[in-house]
Protein backbone atom coordinates (compact mmCIF):
# COMPACT_ATOMS: atom_id res chain seq x y z
CA MET A 1 47.42 31.71 22.51
CA ALA A 2 44.00 30.64 21.31
CA ARG A 3 41.70 33.30 19.94
CA PRO A 4 38.56 34.45 21.77
CA ASP A 5 35.33 32.85 20.61
CA ALA A 6 32.09 34.78 21.06
CA ARG A 7 29.97 31.61 21.04
CA ARG A 8 28.89 30.05 24.33
CA MET A 9 31.21 27.07 24.82
CA THR A 10 31.44 24.15 27.23
CA ASN A 11 34.19 21.59 27.77
CA LYS A 12 34.45 18.39 25.79
CA GLN A 13 33.84 15.24 27.82
CA PRO A 14 37.06 14.72 29.79
CA PRO A 15 38.64 11.28 29.54
CA PRO A 16 37.99 9.10 32.61
CA GLY A 17 40.44 9.91 35.39
CA THR A 18 41.05 13.55 34.39
CA THR A 19 42.15 15.22 37.60
CA LEU A 20 42.04 18.76 38.96
CA PHE A 21 44.99 19.53 41.23
CA LEU A 22 45.14 22.71 43.30
CA ILE A 23 48.30 23.64 45.15
CA GLY A 24 49.19 26.80 47.00
CA MET A 25 51.28 28.42 49.63
CA SER A 26 50.76 31.08 52.23
CA LEU A 27 53.24 33.21 54.13
CA PRO A 28 52.39 33.23 57.84
CA ARG A 29 55.84 34.79 58.46
CA PRO A 30 56.72 36.84 55.37
CA ARG A 31 60.00 38.03 56.92
CA HIS A 32 61.34 34.46 56.87
CA LEU A 33 62.51 34.88 53.29
CA ARG A 34 64.57 31.66 53.22
CA ALA A 35 61.56 29.66 54.34
CA TRP A 36 59.30 30.59 51.45
CA LEU A 37 61.49 31.88 48.62
CA GLY A 38 62.78 28.42 47.65
CA ALA A 39 59.25 27.00 47.46
CA PHE A 40 57.99 30.12 45.67
CA LEU A 41 60.67 29.94 42.98
CA ALA A 42 60.37 26.17 42.58
CA MET A 43 56.78 26.24 41.31
CA PRO A 44 57.38 28.10 38.02
CA ARG A 45 60.42 25.83 37.35
CA MET A 46 58.22 22.77 37.87
CA LEU A 47 55.57 24.09 35.49
CA VAL A 48 58.17 24.81 32.78
CA TYR A 49 59.57 21.30 33.26
CA LEU A 50 56.11 19.72 32.97
CA ARG A 51 55.05 21.78 29.93
CA LYS A 52 58.18 20.65 28.08
CA ARG A 53 57.18 17.02 28.73
CA PRO A 54 53.69 16.30 27.34
CA ASP A 55 54.04 12.68 28.49
CA SER A 56 54.11 13.92 32.13
CA GLY A 57 50.31 14.01 32.18
CA LEU A 58 49.90 17.75 32.78
CA LEU A 59 47.11 19.00 30.49
CA ALA A 60 46.95 22.69 31.49
CA ALA A 61 48.02 24.89 34.40
CA ARG A 62 47.74 28.49 35.55
CA LEU A 63 49.70 30.23 38.27
CA TYR A 64 47.82 32.80 40.33
CA LEU A 65 49.41 35.43 42.56
CA GLY A 66 47.31 37.18 45.17
CA SER A 67 47.24 37.05 48.93
CA SER A 68 48.89 33.67 48.36
CA LEU A 69 50.34 31.69 45.48
CA MET A 70 48.10 29.08 43.86
CA VAL A 71 48.37 26.82 40.84
CA VAL A 72 45.27 25.35 39.23
CA SER A 73 46.23 22.39 37.07
CA TYR A 74 44.51 19.66 35.10
CA TRP A 75 46.12 16.25 34.69
CA ARG A 76 45.40 13.05 32.78
CA SER A 77 45.16 11.22 36.10
CA ALA A 78 45.91 11.38 39.80
CA GLU A 79 48.54 8.70 39.18
CA ASP A 80 50.40 11.08 36.84
CA ILE A 81 50.57 13.62 39.69
CA ARG A 82 51.90 11.00 42.11
CA ARG A 83 54.45 9.80 39.55
CA PHE A 84 55.77 13.34 39.03
CA ALA A 85 55.88 14.03 42.77
CA ALA A 86 58.00 10.92 43.44
CA ASP A 87 60.28 11.13 40.37
CA GLY A 88 63.86 11.64 41.55
CA GLY A 89 64.80 13.05 38.14
CA ALA A 90 62.07 15.71 38.18
CA PRO A 91 62.28 19.02 40.07
CA HIS A 92 59.56 18.29 42.65
CA LEU A 93 61.13 15.62 44.85
CA PRO A 94 64.28 17.58 45.85
CA VAL A 95 62.21 20.64 46.79
CA TRP A 96 59.71 18.48 48.68
CA ARG A 97 62.50 16.85 50.68
CA TRP A 98 64.19 20.21 51.34
CA PHE A 99 60.92 21.73 52.56
CA ASN A 100 60.06 18.75 54.80
CA ASN A 101 63.54 18.67 56.34
CA ARG A 102 63.83 22.41 56.96
CA TYR A 103 60.40 24.01 57.26
CA ALA A 104 57.53 21.52 57.60
CA ASP A 105 55.62 21.98 60.87
CA LYS A 106 57.44 25.22 61.73
CA ASN A 107 54.75 27.71 60.66
CA ALA A 108 57.24 29.62 58.50
CA VAL A 109 55.50 28.87 55.20
CA GLY A 110 52.16 27.19 54.56
CA ILE A 111 51.73 24.61 51.78
CA TRP A 112 48.43 23.02 50.80
CA HIS A 113 47.04 20.97 47.95
CA GLU A 114 43.79 19.31 46.90
CA THR A 115 43.23 16.59 44.30
CA TYR A 116 39.89 15.98 42.61
CA VAL A 117 39.20 13.29 40.04
CA ILE A 118 36.65 15.03 37.84
CA GLY A 119 33.14 13.64 37.89
CA GLU A 120 29.96 15.69 37.86
CA HIS A 121 30.75 19.19 36.65
CA GLU A 122 29.78 21.84 34.16
CA THR A 123 31.59 24.68 32.45
CA ILE A 124 30.65 27.64 30.32
CA SER A 125 32.61 30.42 28.64
CA SER A 126 31.92 33.09 26.08
CA GLY A 127 34.05 35.73 24.43
CA MET A 128 37.37 34.25 25.53
CA PRO A 129 39.82 31.52 24.58
CA PRO A 130 39.37 28.11 26.21
CA TYR A 131 40.07 28.36 29.93
CA GLY A 132 40.27 25.97 32.85
CA LEU A 133 38.91 22.52 32.06
CA GLY A 134 38.01 23.68 28.54
CA GLU A 135 41.67 24.56 27.93
CA ALA A 136 42.73 21.16 29.26
CA VAL A 137 40.33 18.93 27.29
CA GLY A 138 38.94 21.19 24.57
CA VAL A 139 35.61 22.95 24.07
CA VAL A 140 32.49 22.54 21.98
CA PRO A 141 29.71 25.01 21.24
CA ILE A 142 26.71 24.75 23.52
CA GLY A 143 23.93 23.18 21.54
CA ALA A 144 20.59 21.50 22.12
CA GLY A 145 20.40 19.70 25.43
CA MET A 146 23.31 21.69 26.89
CA LYS A 147 21.71 25.12 27.43
CA THR A 148 21.41 24.92 31.22
CA ALA A 149 23.93 24.15 33.95
CA ALA A 150 21.81 21.16 35.00
CA GLN A 151 21.93 19.74 31.46
CA ARG A 152 25.71 20.21 31.27
CA ILE A 153 26.20 18.56 34.68
CA ALA A 154 24.08 15.60 33.61
CA ALA A 155 26.06 15.26 30.36
CA ASN A 156 29.35 15.35 32.29
CA SER A 157 28.33 12.92 35.05
CA ALA A 158 29.44 9.30 35.00
CA ASP A 159 25.97 8.26 33.82
CA GLY A 160 25.97 10.91 31.09
CA ALA A 161 29.39 9.79 29.90
CA ARG A 162 28.19 6.18 29.65
CA ALA A 163 25.10 7.27 27.75
CA ALA A 164 27.22 9.29 25.31
CA SER A 165 29.52 6.36 24.49
């Protein structure tokens, strides 16, 4: 694990196409153990599979447990996500088919996801190891011209990226 850094840090410029993927599940009927346990247990297996394969496109991911399960992940591209989802040799496709055949549209378990190709954004951290987008693409100390959120957003926008290159 990376060491905490007391300096104020922001993410490095992500490569074009870097994608944020959120996926989660809810339990509208917690007593239907068969309906949600398979999906619940599949997610950590998928993350282990992806982390062992750097060429998969997964840059960083964190699993959150709370009132529902959620994974926040960063990918090289949305295409890498689609490729993994449709790969018959990877662990996602069999679980996806199982879920769709047995539980989709039955209100036994809720599944959701959102995909965002990163554009205008800003990040800041202090006193902790790189986290979120900074963990995925790296961090740099906040210097001149990056002190405010507005300056960081401008630097990370499509126009700012073109100006920096």
